[in-house]
Amino acid sequence: MGRGKIEIKRIENASNRQVTYSKRKNGIIKKAREITVLCDAQVSLVIFASSGRMHEYCSPSTTVVDLLDKYHKQSGKRLWDAKHENLSKEIDRVKKENDSMQIELRHLKGEDISSLHHTELMAIEEALDAGLAAVRKKQMEYHSMLEQNEKMLDEEFKHLQFVLQQQEMAMGENAMEMENAYHQQRMRDYNFQVPFAFRVQPIQPNLQERM
């Protein structure tokens, strides 16, 4: 007996719907690979699940961008809106400007100038003179800044030396005051311990008179 015909409609059960999606997705990608190999066809397949996850397949001999370009040319349909077209034009304009700047840079380096006219050579010379003047001005500003920094450092060093000398002098004065106070305290302690003064008398006070 053959298999019964399956009615094509949305599967309400989420679990069954996910299982069916996985099987059908693998099957259609397998068919895309087979037709690529068997028929030498160029195939691009993009699938988005209900969850938003993307699955894709593209024939090894091409790319998705190339296939979209072919589709655009053969179908005549616009794949990009005006915004993307303007962006493409802007990219082309920037590329041309970059190429022009590269040529001017080579000319400023003295390369590829044999085919230039006299007026073009004069313009390059003026640009080089202006650039040289700007470089010299920048160098002068740099040297002036270095001199100012050196002067500030020298003044700061002198100030620190002065502060250090003042601190050393203050420390010396404090040490002398502490030493004087110490000696004065020693004298006061000594006088307190010896309250009576003694005067030394000769052992024989009348010895000289007898002689």
Protein backbone atom coordinates (compact mmCIF):
# COMPACT_ATOMS: atom_id res chain seq x y z
CA MET A 1 0.00 0.00 0.00
CA GLY A 2 1.27 3.47 -0.80
CA ARG A 3 1.58 6.28 1.64
CA GLY A 4 -1.44 8.47 2.10
CA LYS A 5 -1.40 11.99 0.72
CA ILE A 6 -0.41 14.54 3.34
CA GLU A 7 -2.47 17.69 3.49
CA ILE A 8 -0.25 20.74 3.11
CA LYS A 9 -1.17 23.16 5.86
CA ARG A 10 0.46 24.77 8.85
CA ILE A 11 1.34 22.29 11.59
CA GLU A 12 -0.21 23.57 14.79
CA ASN A 13 1.87 21.52 17.21
CA ALA A 14 5.14 23.42 17.77
CA SER A 15 7.22 20.31 18.47
CA ASN A 16 5.96 18.50 15.38
CA ARG A 17 6.43 21.65 13.31
CA GLN A 18 10.10 21.90 14.37
CA VAL A 19 10.75 18.24 13.55
CA THR A 20 9.14 18.59 10.14
CA TYR A 21 11.11 21.77 9.44
CA SER A 22 14.39 20.08 10.27
CA LYS A 23 13.67 17.12 8.01
CA ARG A 24 12.36 19.17 5.07
CA LYS A 25 15.25 21.67 5.40
CA ASN A 26 17.85 18.91 5.24
CA GLY A 27 16.02 17.35 2.31
CA ILE A 28 15.87 20.52 0.21
CA ILE A 29 19.52 21.32 0.89
CA LYS A 30 20.36 17.75 -0.19
CA LYS A 31 18.40 18.27 -3.43
CA ALA A 32 20.26 21.55 -4.04
CA ARG A 33 23.60 19.77 -3.68
CA GLU A 34 22.50 16.98 -6.01
CA ILE A 35 21.32 19.27 -8.80
CA THR A 36 24.59 21.21 -8.48
CA VAL A 37 26.68 18.08 -8.98
CA LEU A 38 24.47 16.21 -11.49
CA CYS A 39 23.53 19.12 -13.72
CA ASP A 40 26.46 21.52 -13.18
CA ALA A 41 23.94 24.11 -12.09
CA GLN A 42 24.54 27.16 -9.94
CA VAL A 43 22.21 27.12 -6.95
CA SER A 44 21.80 29.49 -4.04
CA LEU A 45 19.38 28.57 -1.28
CA VAL A 46 18.51 30.64 1.78
CA ILE A 47 16.03 29.46 4.42
CA PHE A 48 14.81 31.35 7.47
CA ALA A 49 13.10 29.40 10.23
CA SER A 50 10.19 30.85 12.19
CA SER A 51 12.66 31.48 15.00
CA GLY A 52 14.70 33.72 12.70
CA ARG A 53 17.63 31.33 12.32
CA MET A 54 19.08 31.23 8.82
CA HIS A 55 20.29 28.22 6.83
CA GLU A 56 21.90 28.55 3.43
CA TYR A 57 23.57 26.66 0.62
CA CYS A 58 25.46 27.96 -2.41
CA SER A 59 27.12 26.04 -5.22
CA PRO A 60 30.91 25.88 -4.75
CA SER A 61 31.48 27.34 -8.23
CA THR A 62 29.81 30.68 -7.43
CA THR A 63 28.77 33.04 -4.64
CA VAL A 64 25.48 34.45 -3.48
CA VAL A 65 26.51 37.94 -4.59
CA ASP A 66 27.35 36.73 -8.11
CA LEU A 67 24.03 34.93 -8.40
CA LEU A 68 22.13 37.99 -7.21
CA ASP A 69 24.00 40.10 -9.75
CA LYS A 70 23.02 37.68 -12.52
CA TYR A 71 19.43 37.73 -11.32
CA HIS A 72 19.44 41.51 -11.30
CA LYS A 73 20.74 41.70 -14.87
CA GLN A 74 18.53 38.99 -16.40
CA SER A 75 15.29 39.81 -14.60
CA GLY A 76 15.64 43.57 -14.74
CA LYS A 77 14.27 43.85 -11.22
CA ARG A 78 15.78 46.34 -8.78
CA LEU A 79 17.24 44.51 -5.82
CA TRP A 80 18.58 47.63 -4.12
CA ASP A 81 16.72 50.78 -3.20
CA ALA A 82 17.85 54.34 -3.89
CA LYS A 83 19.72 54.48 -0.59
CA HIS A 84 21.97 51.57 -1.53
CA GLU A 85 22.50 52.98 -5.03
CA ASN A 86 23.61 56.32 -3.56
CA LEU A 87 25.93 54.47 -1.21
CA SER A 88 27.47 52.62 -4.15
CA LYS A 89 28.00 55.89 -5.99
CA GLU A 90 29.60 57.42 -2.89
CA ILE A 91 31.96 54.44 -2.62
CA ASP A 92 32.97 54.88 -6.26
CA ARG A 93 33.56 58.60 -5.70
CA VAL A 94 35.76 57.94 -2.66
CA LYS A 95 37.75 55.34 -4.60
CA LYS A 96 38.38 57.83 -7.42
CA GLU A 97 39.45 60.51 -4.94
CA ASN A 98 41.77 58.02 -3.26
CA ASP A 99 43.34 57.10 -6.61
CA SER A 100 43.81 60.79 -7.42
CA MET A 101 45.42 61.42 -4.02
CA GLN A 102 47.77 58.48 -4.54
CA ILE A 103 48.89 59.96 -7.86
CA GLU A 104 49.44 63.39 -6.26
CA LEU A 105 51.43 61.77 -3.46
CA ARG A 106 53.71 60.04 -5.97
CA HIS A 107 54.21 63.37 -7.76
CA LEU A 108 55.12 65.07 -4.47
CA LYS A 109 57.69 62.32 -3.92
CA GLY A 110 59.18 63.07 -7.36
CA GLU A 111 57.78 59.93 -8.95
CA ASP A 112 56.05 59.74 -12.36
CA ILE A 113 56.63 63.44 -13.14
CA SER A 114 58.24 63.08 -16.57
CA SER A 115 54.87 63.43 -18.33
CA LEU A 116 53.74 66.48 -16.35
CA HIS A 117 53.41 69.93 -17.92
CA HIS A 118 55.22 73.04 -16.73
CA THR A 119 52.15 74.40 -14.93
CA GLU A 120 51.66 71.10 -13.11
CA LEU A 121 55.30 71.09 -12.03
CA MET A 122 54.94 74.66 -10.77
CA ALA A 123 51.89 73.66 -8.73
CA ILE A 124 53.84 70.76 -7.20
CA GLU A 125 56.73 73.10 -6.36
CA GLU A 126 54.36 75.55 -4.65
CA ALA A 127 52.78 72.72 -2.69
CA LEU A 128 56.20 71.51 -1.57
CA ASP A 129 57.24 75.06 -0.53
CA ALA A 130 54.04 75.48 1.44
CA GLY A 131 54.52 72.10 3.08
CA LEU A 132 58.14 72.91 3.95
CA ALA A 133 57.10 76.24 5.49
CA ALA A 134 54.44 74.49 7.56
CA VAL A 135 56.98 71.91 8.76
CA ARG A 136 59.46 74.60 9.77
CA LYS A 137 56.73 76.50 11.61
CA LYS A 138 55.77 73.36 13.47
CA GLN A 139 59.41 72.72 14.37
CA MET A 140 59.75 76.26 15.75
CA GLU A 141 56.61 75.76 17.84
CA TYR A 142 58.00 72.46 19.11
CA HIS A 143 61.36 73.99 20.07
CA SER A 144 59.61 76.93 21.76
CA MET A 145 57.50 74.50 23.77
CA LEU A 146 60.63 72.57 24.79
CA GLU A 147 62.33 75.78 25.95
CA GLN A 148 59.28 76.77 27.99
CA ASN A 149 59.13 73.34 29.59
CA GLU A 150 62.84 73.47 30.37
CA LYS A 151 62.47 76.91 31.94
CA MET A 152 59.53 75.76 34.06
CA LEU A 153 61.47 72.70 35.23
CA ASP A 154 64.49 74.85 36.12
CA GLU A 155 62.33 77.27 38.14
CA GLU A 156 60.62 74.39 39.91
CA PHE A 157 64.02 72.85 40.73
CA LYS A 158 65.27 76.13 42.20
CA HIS A 159 62.10 76.48 44.24
CA LEU A 160 62.50 72.95 45.61
CA GLN A 161 66.14 73.69 46.49
CA PHE A 162 65.08 76.83 48.37
CA VAL A 163 62.37 74.95 50.26
CA LEU A 164 64.87 72.21 51.14
CA GLN A 165 67.40 74.77 52.44
CA GLN A 166 64.73 76.43 54.56
CA GLN A 167 63.75 73.09 56.03
CA GLU A 168 67.38 72.20 56.79
CA MET A 169 67.92 75.58 58.51
CA ALA A 170 64.75 75.17 60.54
CA MET A 171 65.80 71.66 61.56
CA GLY A 172 69.25 73.00 62.63
CA GLU A 173 67.72 75.77 64.72
CA ASN A 174 65.37 73.32 66.37
CA ALA A 175 68.27 71.00 67.16
CA MET A 176 70.26 73.87 68.75
CA GLU A 177 67.26 74.96 70.81
CA MET A 178 66.74 71.41 71.99
CA GLU A 179 70.44 71.10 72.90
CA ASN A 180 70.44 74.41 74.85
CA ALA A 181 67.29 73.42 76.66
CA TYR A 182 68.89 70.11 77.53
CA HIS A 183 72.02 71.75 78.98
CA GLN A 184 69.96 74.27 80.95
CA GLN A 185 67.90 71.48 82.42
CA ARG A 186 71.08 69.62 83.38
CA MET A 187 72.39 72.73 85.16
CA ARG A 188 69.13 73.21 87.02
CA ASP A 189 69.16 69.57 88.08
CA TYR A 190 72.78 69.88 89.28
CA ASN A 191 72.13 73.04 91.29
CA PHE A 192 69.14 71.38 92.89
CA GLN A 193 71.25 68.39 93.99
CA VAL A 194 74.13 70.59 95.38
CA PRO A 195 72.46 73.48 97.25
CA PHE A 196 75.52 74.62 99.33
CA ALA A 197 78.72 76.00 97.87
CA PHE A 198 82.05 74.94 99.30
CA ARG A 199 85.21 77.02 99.29
CA VAL A 200 88.52 75.16 99.33
CA GLN A 201 90.73 76.20 102.29
CA PRO A 202 94.47 75.44 102.59
CA ILE A 203 95.39 72.65 104.98
CA GLN A 204 97.84 74.87 106.91
CA PRO A 205 96.62 78.43 106.54
CA ASN A 206 99.52 79.99 108.54
CA LEU A 207 102.33 78.04 106.95
CA GLN A 208 103.54 80.97 104.90
CA GLU A 209 103.51 83.34 107.89
CA ARG A 210 105.70 81.00 109.91
CA MET A 211 108.20 80.79 107.11
